[in-house]
Full PDB file with SEQRES, HELIX, SHEET, SSBOND, CRYST1, ORIGX, SCALE, CONECT and MASTER records, all heavy atoms in Angstrom:
SEQRES   1 A   40  GLU GLU VAL LEU LYS ASP LEU GLN SER LEU ASN PRO GLN          
SEQRES   2 A   40  THR PRO VAL VAL ILE PRO PRO THR ILE ILE ASN GLN PRO          
SEQRES   3 A   40  VAL LYS GLN ASN ILE PRO THR SER GLN ASN PRO GLY GLN          
SEQRES   4 A   40  SER                                                          
HELIX    1 AA1 GLU A    2  GLN A    8  1                                   7    
CRYST1    1.000    1.000    1.000  90.00  90.00  90.00 P 1           1          
ORIGX1      1.000000  0.000000  0.000000        0.00000                         
ORIGX2      0.000000  1.000000  0.000000        0.00000                         
ORIGX3      0.000000  0.000000  1.000000        0.00000                         
SCALE1      1.000000  0.000000  0.000000        0.00000                         
SCALE2      0.000000  1.000000  0.000000        0.00000                         
SCALE3      0.000000  0.000000  1.000000        0.00000                         
ATOM      1  N   GLU A   1       0.831  -1.211   0.001  1.00  0.00           N  
ATOM      2  CA  GLU A   1       0.002  -0.002   0.004  1.00  0.00           C  
ATOM      3  C   GLU A   1       0.863   1.258  -0.002  1.00  0.00           C  
ATOM      4  O   GLU A   1       0.521   2.250  -0.663  1.00  0.00           O  
ATOM      5  CB  GLU A   1      -0.942   0.016   1.217  1.00  0.00           C  
ATOM      6  CG  GLU A   1      -2.051  -1.022   1.186  1.00  0.00           C  
ATOM      7  CD  GLU A   1      -1.630  -2.381   1.718  1.00  0.00           C  
ATOM      8  OE1 GLU A   1      -0.415  -2.564   1.968  1.00  0.00           O  
ATOM      9  OE2 GLU A   1      -2.489  -3.247   1.882  1.00  0.00           O  
ATOM     10  N   GLU A   2       1.969   1.224   0.716  1.00  0.00           N  
ATOM     11  CA  GLU A   2       2.861   2.383   0.762  1.00  0.00           C  
ATOM     12  C   GLU A   2       3.461   2.667  -0.616  1.00  0.00           C  
ATOM     13  O   GLU A   2       3.568   3.832  -1.037  1.00  0.00           O  
ATOM     14  CB  GLU A   2       3.983   2.139   1.781  1.00  0.00           C  
ATOM     15  CG  GLU A   2       3.524   2.078   3.218  1.00  0.00           C  
ATOM     16  CD  GLU A   2       4.684   1.769   4.176  1.00  0.00           C  
ATOM     17  OE1 GLU A   2       5.833   1.710   3.705  1.00  0.00           O  
ATOM     18  OE2 GLU A   2       4.420   1.564   5.368  1.00  0.00           O  
ATOM     19  N   VAL A   3       3.843   1.613  -1.322  1.00  0.00           N  
ATOM     20  CA  VAL A   3       4.424   1.800  -2.653  1.00  0.00           C  
ATOM     21  C   VAL A   3       3.374   2.355  -3.609  1.00  0.00           C  
ATOM     22  O   VAL A   3       3.630   3.298  -4.367  1.00  0.00           O  
ATOM     23  CB  VAL A   3       4.974   0.478  -3.212  1.00  0.00           C  
ATOM     24  CG1 VAL A   3       5.828   0.746  -4.458  1.00  0.00           C  
ATOM     25  CG2 VAL A   3       5.801  -0.258  -2.172  1.00  0.00           C  
ATOM     26  N   LEU A   4       2.176   1.790  -3.574  1.00  0.00           N  
ATOM     27  CA  LEU A   4       1.102   2.240  -4.450  1.00  0.00           C  
ATOM     28  C   LEU A   4       0.749   3.701  -4.192  1.00  0.00           C  
ATOM     29  O   LEU A   4       0.483   4.463  -5.130  1.00  0.00           O  
ATOM     30  CB  LEU A   4      -0.138   1.352  -4.257  1.00  0.00           C  
ATOM     31  CG  LEU A   4      -0.062  -0.037  -4.882  1.00  0.00           C  
ATOM     32  CD1 LEU A   4      -1.210  -0.911  -4.405  1.00  0.00           C  
ATOM     33  CD2 LEU A   4      -0.074   0.050  -6.410  1.00  0.00           C  
ATOM     34  N   LYS A   5       0.769   4.101  -2.937  1.00  0.00           N  
ATOM     35  CA  LYS A   5       0.459   5.485  -2.594  1.00  0.00           C  
ATOM     36  C   LYS A   5       1.465   6.438  -3.226  1.00  0.00           C  
ATOM     37  O   LYS A   5       1.093   7.473  -3.793  1.00  0.00           O  
ATOM     38  CB  LYS A   5       0.445   5.658  -1.072  1.00  0.00           C  
ATOM     39  CG  LYS A   5       0.092   7.073  -0.623  1.00  0.00           C  
ATOM     40  CD  LYS A   5       0.080   7.178   0.896  1.00  0.00           C  
ATOM     41  CE  LYS A   5      -0.236   8.606   1.336  1.00  0.00           C  
ATOM     42  NZ  LYS A   5      -0.238   8.722   2.822  1.00  0.00           N  
ATOM     43  N   ASP A   6       2.759   6.090  -3.142  1.00  0.00           N  
ATOM     44  CA  ASP A   6       3.787   6.944  -3.733  1.00  0.00           C  
ATOM     45  C   ASP A   6       3.713   6.932  -5.257  1.00  0.00           C  
ATOM     46  O   ASP A   6       3.950   7.951  -5.913  1.00  0.00           O  
ATOM     47  CB  ASP A   6       5.184   6.506  -3.274  1.00  0.00           C  
ATOM     48  CG  ASP A   6       5.528   7.018  -1.881  1.00  0.00           C  
ATOM     49  OD1 ASP A   6       4.684   7.747  -1.301  1.00  0.00           O  
ATOM     50  OD2 ASP A   6       6.609   6.701  -1.379  1.00  0.00           O  
ATOM     51  N   LEU A   7       3.358   5.784  -5.841  1.00  0.00           N  
ATOM     52  CA  LEU A   7       3.229   5.715  -7.296  1.00  0.00           C  
ATOM     53  C   LEU A   7       2.084   6.589  -7.788  1.00  0.00           C  
ATOM     54  O   LEU A   7       2.187   7.268  -8.806  1.00  0.00           O  
ATOM     55  CB  LEU A   7       2.982   4.264  -7.729  1.00  0.00           C  
ATOM     56  CG  LEU A   7       4.194   3.351  -7.838  1.00  0.00           C  
ATOM     57  CD1 LEU A   7       3.742   1.938  -8.171  1.00  0.00           C  
ATOM     58  CD2 LEU A   7       5.156   3.847  -8.911  1.00  0.00           C  
ATOM     59  N   GLN A   8       0.985   6.579  -7.045  1.00  0.00           N  
ATOM     60  CA  GLN A   8      -0.173   7.367  -7.451  1.00  0.00           C  
ATOM     61  C   GLN A   8       0.079   8.868  -7.344  1.00  0.00           C  
ATOM     62  O   GLN A   8      -0.610   9.657  -7.994  1.00  0.00           O  
ATOM     63  CB  GLN A   8      -1.389   6.963  -6.603  1.00  0.00           C  
ATOM     64  CG  GLN A   8      -1.901   5.561  -6.917  1.00  0.00           C  
ATOM     65  CD  GLN A   8      -2.877   5.053  -5.887  1.00  0.00           C  
ATOM     66  OE1 GLN A   8      -3.133   5.698  -4.883  1.00  0.00           O  
ATOM     67  NE2 GLN A   8      -3.440   3.871  -6.134  1.00  0.00           N  
ATOM     68  N   SER A   9       1.056   9.246  -6.532  1.00  0.00           N  
ATOM     69  CA  SER A   9       1.370  10.662  -6.374  1.00  0.00           C  
ATOM     70  C   SER A   9       2.265  11.186  -7.492  1.00  0.00           C  
ATOM     71  O   SER A   9       2.463  12.397  -7.614  1.00  0.00           O  
ATOM     72  CB  SER A   9       2.051  10.913  -5.020  1.00  0.00           C  
ATOM     73  OG  SER A   9       3.347  10.331  -4.996  1.00  0.00           O  
ATOM     74  N   LEU A  10       2.816  10.271  -8.304  1.00  0.00           N  
ATOM     75  CA  LEU A  10       3.666  10.694  -9.409  1.00  0.00           C  
ATOM     76  C   LEU A  10       2.803  11.312 -10.497  1.00  0.00           C  
ATOM     77  O   LEU A  10       1.821  10.727 -10.942  1.00  0.00           O  
ATOM     78  CB  LEU A  10       4.445   9.508  -9.986  1.00  0.00           C  
ATOM     79  CG  LEU A  10       5.404   8.783  -9.034  1.00  0.00           C  
ATOM     80  CD1 LEU A  10       6.138   7.680  -9.788  1.00  0.00           C  
ATOM     81  CD2 LEU A  10       6.395   9.736  -8.424  1.00  0.00           C  
ATOM     82  N   ASN A  11       3.157  12.501 -10.923  1.00  0.00           N  
ATOM     83  CA  ASN A  11       2.410  13.180 -11.978  1.00  0.00           C  
ATOM     84  C   ASN A  11       2.958  12.770 -13.330  1.00  0.00           C  
ATOM     85  O   ASN A  11       4.161  12.767 -13.545  1.00  0.00           O  
ATOM     86  CB  ASN A  11       2.516  14.691 -11.823  1.00  0.00           C  
ATOM     87  CG  ASN A  11       1.809  15.193 -10.581  1.00  0.00           C  
ATOM     88  OD1 ASN A  11       0.766  14.654 -10.216  1.00  0.00           O  
ATOM     89  ND2 ASN A  11       2.360  16.205  -9.944  1.00  0.00           N  
ATOM     90  N   PRO A  12       2.079  12.455 -14.291  1.00  0.00           N  
ATOM     91  CA  PRO A  12       2.566  12.158 -15.643  1.00  0.00           C  
ATOM     92  C   PRO A  12       3.159  13.397 -16.273  1.00  0.00           C  
ATOM     93  O   PRO A  12       2.811  14.515 -15.925  1.00  0.00           O  
ATOM     94  CB  PRO A  12       1.294  11.713 -16.370  1.00  0.00           C  
ATOM     95  CG  PRO A  12       0.176  12.371 -15.620  1.00  0.00           C  
ATOM     96  CD  PRO A  12       0.621  12.416 -14.188  1.00  0.00           C  
ATOM     97  N   GLN A  13       4.069  13.178 -17.199  1.00  0.00           N  
ATOM     98  CA  GLN A  13       4.699  14.302 -17.870  1.00  0.00           C  
ATOM     99  C   GLN A  13       3.656  15.044 -18.702  1.00  0.00           C  
ATOM    100  O   GLN A  13       2.851  14.437 -19.396  1.00  0.00           O  
ATOM    101  CB  GLN A  13       5.837  13.823 -18.770  1.00  0.00           C  
ATOM    102  CG  GLN A  13       7.001  13.252 -17.991  1.00  0.00           C  
ATOM    103  CD  GLN A  13       8.130  12.836 -18.911  1.00  0.00           C  
ATOM    104  OE1 GLN A  13       7.978  12.825 -20.117  1.00  0.00           O  
ATOM    105  NE2 GLN A  13       9.257  12.512 -18.330  1.00  0.00           N  
ATOM    106  N   THR A  14       3.648  16.375 -18.606  1.00  0.00           N  
ATOM    107  CA  THR A  14       2.696  17.190 -19.333  1.00  0.00           C  
ATOM    108  C   THR A  14       3.442  18.218 -20.160  1.00  0.00           C  
ATOM    109  O   THR A  14       4.545  18.634 -19.793  1.00  0.00           O  
ATOM    110  CB  THR A  14       1.743  17.924 -18.366  1.00  0.00           C  
ATOM    111  OG1 THR A  14       2.535  18.679 -17.436  1.00  0.00           O  
ATOM    112  CG2 THR A  14       0.893  16.955 -17.606  1.00  0.00           C  
ATOM    113  N   PRO A  15       2.856  18.662 -21.285  1.00  0.00           N  
ATOM    114  CA  PRO A  15       3.532  19.667 -22.101  1.00  0.00           C  
ATOM    115  C   PRO A  15       3.593  21.009 -21.399  1.00  0.00           C  
ATOM    116  O   PRO A  15       2.813  21.288 -20.499  1.00  0.00           O  
ATOM    117  CB  PRO A  15       2.638  19.736 -23.355  1.00  0.00           C  
ATOM    118  CG  PRO A  15       1.297  19.280 -22.894  1.00  0.00           C  
ATOM    119  CD  PRO A  15       1.574  18.227 -21.852  1.00  0.00           C  
ATOM    120  N   VAL A  16       4.551  21.837 -21.822  1.00  0.00           N  
ATOM    121  CA  VAL A  16       4.697  23.157 -21.231  1.00  0.00           C  
ATOM    122  C   VAL A  16       3.503  24.013 -21.617  1.00  0.00           C  
ATOM    123  O   VAL A  16       3.083  24.044 -22.763  1.00  0.00           O  
ATOM    124  CB  VAL A  16       5.996  23.829 -21.729  1.00  0.00           C  
ATOM    125  CG1 VAL A  16       6.128  25.219 -21.157  1.00  0.00           C  
ATOM    126  CG2 VAL A  16       7.193  22.989 -21.337  1.00  0.00           C  
ATOM    127  N   VAL A  17       2.931  24.711 -20.641  1.00  0.00           N  
ATOM    128  CA  VAL A  17       1.777  25.565 -20.884  1.00  0.00           C  
ATOM    129  C   VAL A  17       2.093  26.975 -20.419  1.00  0.00           C  
ATOM    130  O   VAL A  17       3.075  27.211 -19.717  1.00  0.00           O  
ATOM    131  CB  VAL A  17       0.523  25.040 -20.146  1.00  0.00           C  
ATOM    132  CG1 VAL A  17       0.126  23.692 -20.663  1.00  0.00           C  
ATOM    133  CG2 VAL A  17       0.770  24.983 -18.644  1.00  0.00           C  
ATOM    134  N   ILE A  18       1.238  27.934 -20.801  1.00  0.00           N  
ATOM    135  CA  ILE A  18       1.435  29.308 -20.371  1.00  0.00           C  
ATOM    136  C   ILE A  18       1.261  29.388 -18.867  1.00  0.00           C  
ATOM    137  O   ILE A  18       0.270  28.878 -18.329  1.00  0.00           O  
ATOM    138  CB  ILE A  18       0.414  30.232 -21.054  1.00  0.00           C  
ATOM    139  CG1 ILE A  18       0.652  30.216 -22.572  1.00  0.00           C  
ATOM    140  CG2 ILE A  18       0.491  31.644 -20.533  1.00  0.00           C  
ATOM    141  CD1 ILE A  18      -0.338  31.037 -23.349  1.00  0.00           C  
ATOM    142  N   PRO A  19       2.184  29.992 -18.141  1.00  0.00           N  
ATOM    143  CA  PRO A  19       2.041  30.088 -16.687  1.00  0.00           C  
ATOM    144  C   PRO A  19       0.824  30.909 -16.324  1.00  0.00           C  
ATOM    145  O   PRO A  19       0.495  31.884 -17.005  1.00  0.00           O  
ATOM    146  CB  PRO A  19       3.335  30.787 -16.255  1.00  0.00           C  
ATOM    147  CG  PRO A  19       3.823  31.493 -17.456  1.00  0.00           C  
ATOM    148  CD  PRO A  19       3.393  30.661 -18.635  1.00  0.00           C  
ATOM    149  N   PRO A  20       0.098  30.531 -15.253  1.00  0.00           N  
ATOM    150  CA  PRO A  20      -1.100  31.271 -14.853  1.00  0.00           C  
ATOM    151  C   PRO A  20      -0.748  32.662 -14.374  1.00  0.00           C  
ATOM    152  O   PRO A  20       0.375  32.931 -13.960  1.00  0.00           O  
ATOM    153  CB  PRO A  20      -1.673  30.408 -13.717  1.00  0.00           C  
ATOM    154  CG  PRO A  20      -0.497  29.672 -13.175  1.00  0.00           C  
ATOM    155  CD  PRO A  20       0.382  29.401 -14.362  1.00  0.00           C  
ATOM    156  N   THR A  21      -1.728  33.561 -14.418  1.00  0.00           N  
ATOM    157  CA  THR A  21      -1.522  34.931 -13.958  1.00  0.00           C  
ATOM    158  C   THR A  21      -1.181  34.923 -12.476  1.00  0.00           C  
ATOM    159  O   THR A  21      -1.811  34.208 -11.690  1.00  0.00           O  
ATOM    160  CB  THR A  21      -2.801  35.756 -14.172  1.00  0.00           C  
ATOM    161  OG1 THR A  21      -3.142  35.669 -15.554  1.00  0.00           O  
ATOM    162  CG2 THR A  21      -2.593  37.208 -13.791  1.00  0.00           C  
ATOM    163  N   ILE A  22      -0.185  35.671 -12.096  1.00  0.00           N  
ATOM    164  CA  ILE A  22       0.217  35.738 -10.690  1.00  0.00           C  
ATOM    165  C   ILE A  22      -0.890  36.382  -9.881  1.00  0.00           C  
ATOM    166  O   ILE A  22      -1.418  37.442 -10.243  1.00  0.00           O  
ATOM    167  CB  ILE A  22       1.514  36.545 -10.542  1.00  0.00           C  
ATOM    168  CG1 ILE A  22       2.624  35.874 -11.352  1.00  0.00           C  
ATOM    169  CG2 ILE A  22       1.912  36.678  -9.079  1.00  0.00           C  
ATOM    170  CD1 ILE A  22       3.913  36.640 -11.326  1.00  0.00           C  
ATOM    171  N   ILE A  23      -1.281  35.736  -8.800  1.00  0.00           N  
ATOM    172  CA  ILE A  23      -2.394  36.222  -7.982  1.00  0.00           C  
ATOM    173  C   ILE A  23      -2.059  37.595  -7.410  1.00  0.00           C  
ATOM    174  O   ILE A  23      -0.961  37.839  -6.920  1.00  0.00           O  
ATOM    175  CB  ILE A  23      -2.692  35.232  -6.838  1.00  0.00           C  
ATOM    176  CG1 ILE A  23      -3.080  33.881  -7.445  1.00  0.00           C  
ATOM    177  CG2 ILE A  23      -3.786  35.750  -5.931  1.00  0.00           C  
ATOM    178  CD1 ILE A  23      -3.306  32.812  -6.425  1.00  0.00           C  
ATOM    179  N   ASN A  24      -3.059  38.481  -7.477  1.00  0.00           N  
ATOM    180  CA  ASN A  24      -2.971  39.829  -6.923  1.00  0.00           C  
ATOM    181  C   ASN A  24      -1.970  40.733  -7.658  1.00  0.00           C  
ATOM    182  O   ASN A  24      -1.638  41.805  -7.176  1.00  0.00           O  
ATOM    183  CB  ASN A  24      -2.602  39.817  -5.431  1.00  0.00           C  
ATOM    184  CG  ASN A  24      -3.661  39.112  -4.606  1.00  0.00           C  
ATOM    185  OD1 ASN A  24      -4.843  39.175  -4.933  1.00  0.00           O  
ATOM    186  ND2 ASN A  24      -3.238  38.453  -3.534  1.00  0.00           N  
ATOM    187  N   GLN A  25      -1.465  40.294  -8.797  1.00  0.00           N  
ATOM    188  CA  GLN A  25      -0.535  41.151  -9.540  1.00  0.00           C  
ATOM    189  C   GLN A  25      -1.353  41.996 -10.502  1.00  0.00           C  
ATOM    190  O   GLN A  25      -2.068  41.477 -11.355  1.00  0.00           O  
ATOM    191  CB  GLN A  25       0.481  40.322 -10.328  1.00  0.00           C  
ATOM    192  CG  GLN A  25       1.414  41.194 -11.177  1.00  0.00           C  
ATOM    193  CD  GLN A  25       2.420  40.347 -11.896  1.00  0.00           C  
ATOM    194  OE1 GLN A  25       2.823  39.311 -11.394  1.00  0.00           O  
ATOM    195  NE2 GLN A  25       2.833  40.778 -13.065  1.00  0.00           N  
ATOM    196  N   PRO A  26      -1.308  43.328 -10.409  1.00  0.00           N  
ATOM    197  CA  PRO A  26      -2.102  44.191 -11.301  1.00  0.00           C  
ATOM    198  C   PRO A  26      -1.620  44.062 -12.735  1.00  0.00           C  
ATOM    199  O   PRO A  26      -0.433  43.915 -12.996  1.00  0.00           O  
ATOM    200  CB  PRO A  26      -1.847  45.598 -10.741  1.00  0.00           C  
ATOM    201  CG  PRO A  26      -0.528  45.500 -10.039  1.00  0.00           C  
ATOM    202  CD  PRO A  26      -0.476  44.126  -9.466  1.00  0.00           C  
ATOM    203  N   VAL A  27      -2.562  44.146 -13.653  1.00  0.00           N  
ATOM    204  CA  VAL A  27      -2.227  44.087 -15.070  1.00  0.00           C  
ATOM    205  C   VAL A  27      -1.733  45.440 -15.522  1.00  0.00           C  
ATOM    206  O   VAL A  27      -2.337  46.475 -15.244  1.00  0.00           O  
ATOM    207  CB  VAL A  27      -3.462  43.676 -15.898  1.00  0.00           C  
ATOM    208  CG1 VAL A  27      -3.123  43.638 -17.373  1.00  0.00           C  
ATOM    209  CG2 VAL A  27      -3.980  42.336 -15.427  1.00  0.00           C  
ATOM    210  N   LYS A  28      -0.622  45.474 -16.235  1.00  0.00           N  
ATOM    211  CA  LYS A  28      -0.067  46.740 -16.707  1.00  0.00           C  
ATOM    212  C   LYS A  28      -0.943  47.313 -17.806  1.00  0.00           C  
ATOM    213  O   LYS A  28      -1.266  46.640 -18.777  1.00  0.00           O  
ATOM    214  CB  LYS A  28       1.362  46.526 -17.232  1.00  0.00           C  
ATOM    215  CG  LYS A  28       2.348  46.117 -16.150  1.00  0.00           C  
ATOM    216  CD  LYS A  28       3.745  45.952 -16.751  1.00  0.00           C  
ATOM    217  CE  LYS A  28       4.744  45.541 -15.658  1.00  0.00           C  
ATOM    218  NZ  LYS A  28       6.092  45.389 -16.208  1.00  0.00           N  
ATOM    219  N   GLN A  29      -1.329  48.591 -17.651  1.00  0.00           N  
ATOM    220  CA  GLN A  29      -2.172  49.238 -18.646  1.00  0.00           C  
ATOM    221  C   GLN A  29      -1.334  49.863 -19.754  1.00  0.00           C  
ATOM    222  O   GLN A  29      -1.743  49.901 -20.889  1.00  0.00           O  
ATOM    223  CB  GLN A  29      -3.029  50.321 -17.968  1.00  0.00           C  
ATOM    224  CG  GLN A  29      -3.956  49.767 -16.890  1.00  0.00           C  
ATOM    225  CD  GLN A  29      -4.936  48.767 -17.469  1.00  0.00           C  
ATOM    226  OE1 GLN A  29      -5.427  48.941 -18.586  1.00  0.00           O  
ATOM    227  NE2 GLN A  29      -5.223  47.712 -16.722  1.00  0.00           N  
ATOM    228  N   ASN A  30      -0.166  50.384 -19.401  1.00  0.00           N  
ATOM    229  CA  ASN A  30       0.705  51.008 -20.379  1.00  0.00           C  
ATOM    230  C   ASN A  30       1.812  50.023 -20.734  1.00  0.00           C  
ATOM    231  O   ASN A  30       2.734  49.821 -19.962  1.00  0.00           O  
ATOM    232  CB  ASN A  30       1.308  52.305 -19.836  1.00  0.00           C  
ATOM    233  CG  ASN A  30       0.223  53.315 -19.514  1.00  0.00           C  
ATOM    234  OD1 ASN A  30      -0.737  53.452 -20.270  1.00  0.00           O  
ATOM    235  ND2 ASN A  30       0.370  54.013 -18.380  1.00  0.00           N  
ATOM    236  N   ILE A  31       1.679  49.408 -21.874  1.00  0.00           N  
ATOM    237  CA  ILE A  31       2.638  48.389 -22.288  1.00  0.00           C  
ATOM    238  C   ILE A  31       3.688  49.030 -23.167  1.00  0.00           C  
ATOM    239  O   ILE A  31       3.381  49.533 -24.249  1.00  0.00           O  
ATOM    240  CB  ILE A  31       1.938  47.266 -23.071  1.00  0.00           C  
ATOM    241  CG1 ILE A  31       0.838  46.644 -22.197  1.00  0.00           C  
ATOM    242  CG2 ILE A  31       2.930  46.210 -23.523  1.00  0.00           C  
ATOM    243  CD1 ILE A  31       0.016  45.611 -22.909  1.00  0.00           C  
ATOM    244  N   PRO A  32       4.938  49.115 -22.717  1.00  0.00           N  
ATOM    245  CA  PRO A  32       5.981  49.723 -23.526  1.00  0.00           C  
ATOM    246  C   PRO A  32       6.254  48.897 -24.757  1.00  0.00           C  
ATOM    247  O   PRO A  32       6.153  47.681 -24.740  1.00  0.00           O  
ATOM    248  CB  PRO A  32       7.198  49.744 -22.585  1.00  0.00           C  
ATOM    249  CG  PRO A  32       6.939  48.645 -21.613  1.00  0.00           C  
ATOM    250  CD  PRO A  32       5.457  48.591 -21.441  1.00  0.00           C  
ATOM    251  N   THR A  33       6.608  49.573 -25.835  1.00  0.00           N  
ATOM    252  CA  THR A  33       6.912  48.886 -27.079  1.00  0.00           C  
ATOM    253  C   THR A  33       8.394  48.626 -27.173  1.00  0.00           C  
ATOM    254  O   THR A  33       9.211  49.318 -26.568  1.00  0.00           O  
ATOM    255  CB  THR A  33       6.470  49.738 -28.286  1.00  0.00           C  
ATOM    256  OG1 THR A  33       7.136  50.998 -28.221  1.00  0.00           O  
ATOM    257  CG2 THR A  33       4.967  49.957 -28.254  1.00  0.00           C  
ATOM    258  N   SER A  34       8.746  47.653 -27.953  1.00  0.00           N  
ATOM    259  CA  SER A  34      10.151  47.308 -28.116  1.00  0.00           C  
ATOM    260  C   SER A  34      10.833  48.366 -28.974  1.00  0.00           C  
ATOM    261  O   SER A  34      10.219  48.979 -29.849  1.00  0.00           O  
ATOM    262  CB  SER A  34      10.265  45.920 -28.775  1.00  0.00           C  
ATOM    263  OG  SER A  34      11.571  45.676 -29.154  1.00  0.00           O  
ATOM    264  N   GLN A  35      12.091  48.559 -28.709  1.00  0.00           N  
ATOM    265  CA  GLN A  35      12.862  49.503 -29.496  1.00  0.00           C  
ATOM    266  C   GLN A  35      13.141  48.942 -30.883  1.00  0.00           C  
ATOM    267  O   GLN A  35      13.499  49.647 -31.792  1.00  0.00           O  
ATOM    268  CB  GLN A  35      14.199  49.811 -28.773  1.00  0.00           C  
ATOM    269  CG  GLN A  35      14.011  50.477 -27.414  1.00  0.00           C  
ATOM    270  CD  GLN A  35      13.291  51.809 -27.516  1.00  0.00           C  
ATOM    271  OE1 GLN A  35      13.573  52.602 -28.424  1.00  0.00           O  
ATOM    272  NE2 GLN A  35      12.352  52.064 -26.600  1.00  0.00           N  
ATOM    273  N   ASN A  36      12.997  47.630 -31.027  1.00  0.00           N  
ATOM    274  CA  ASN A  36      13.279  46.979 -32.315  1.00  0.00           C  
ATOM    275  C   ASN A  36      11.968  46.497 -32.930  1.00  0.00           C  
ATOM    276  O   ASN A  36      11.385  45.529 -32.465  1.00  0.00           O  
ATOM    277  CB  ASN A  36      14.226  45.793 -32.096  1.00  0.00           C  
ATOM    278  CG  ASN A  36      14.673  45.171 -33.419  1.00  0.00           C  
ATOM    279  OD1 ASN A  36      14.030  45.350 -34.454  1.00  0.00           O  
ATOM    280  ND2 ASN A  36      15.779  44.454 -33.353  1.00  0.00           N  
ATOM    281  N   PRO A  37      11.440  47.173 -33.983  1.00  0.00           N  
ATOM    282  CA  PRO A  37      10.151  46.782 -34.568  1.00  0.00           C  
ATOM    283  C   PRO A  37      10.144  45.337 -35.045  1.00  0.00           C  
ATOM    284  O   PRO A  37       9.161  44.638 -34.902  1.00  0.00           O  
ATOM    285  CB  PRO A  37      10.005  47.765 -35.739  1.00  0.00           C  
ATOM    286  CG  PRO A  37      10.874  48.926 -35.393  1.00  0.00           C  
ATOM    287  CD  PRO A  37      12.027  48.364 -34.646  1.00  0.00           C  
ATOM    288  N   GLY A  38      11.265  44.897 -35.633  1.00  0.00           N  
ATOM    289  CA  GLY A  38      11.322  43.508 -36.113  1.00  0.00           C  
ATOM    290  C   GLY A  38      11.175  42.521 -34.976  1.00  0.00           C  
ATOM    291  O   GLY A  38      10.499  41.508 -35.083  1.00  0.00           O  
ATOM    292  N   GLN A  39      11.815  42.814 -33.835  1.00  0.00           N  
ATOM    293  CA  GLN A  39      11.705  41.935 -32.671  1.00  0.00           C  
ATOM    294  C   GLN A  39      10.268  41.899 -32.162  1.00  0.00           C  
ATOM    295  O   GLN A  39       9.741  40.863 -31.777  1.00  0.00           O  
ATOM    296  CB  GLN A  39      12.642  42.418 -31.569  1.00  0.00           C  
ATOM    297  CG  GLN A  39      12.600  41.561 -30.310  1.00  0.00           C  
ATOM    298  CD  GLN A  39      13.500  42.116 -29.211  1.00  0.00           C  
ATOM    299  OE1 GLN A  39      14.075  43.187 -29.386  1.00  0.00           O  
ATOM    300  NE2 GLN A  39      13.587  41.392 -28.137  1.00  0.00           N  
ATOM    301  N   SER A  40       9.607  43.115 -32.162  1.00  0.00           N  
ATOM    302  CA  SER A  40       8.230  43.183 -31.701  1.00  0.00           C  
ATOM    303  C   SER A  40       7.317  42.345 -32.582  1.00  0.00           C  
ATOM    304  O   SER A  40       6.431  41.631 -32.095  1.00  0.00           O  
ATOM    305  CB  SER A  40       7.760  44.639 -31.685  1.00  0.00           C  
ATOM    306  OG  SER A  40       6.406  44.714 -31.279  1.00  0.00           O  
TER     307      SER A  40                                                      
MASTER        0    0    0    1    0    0    0    6  306    1    0    4          
END                                                                             
């Protein structure tokens, strides 16, 4: 039972996803533009 419990706690590998919005972090209203238009 101890082994099974630890096995069940293993998370399967998942693809990389966009990180969730940080809690209580205000959204920036004024978004600065890049100095390099091509990079933007």
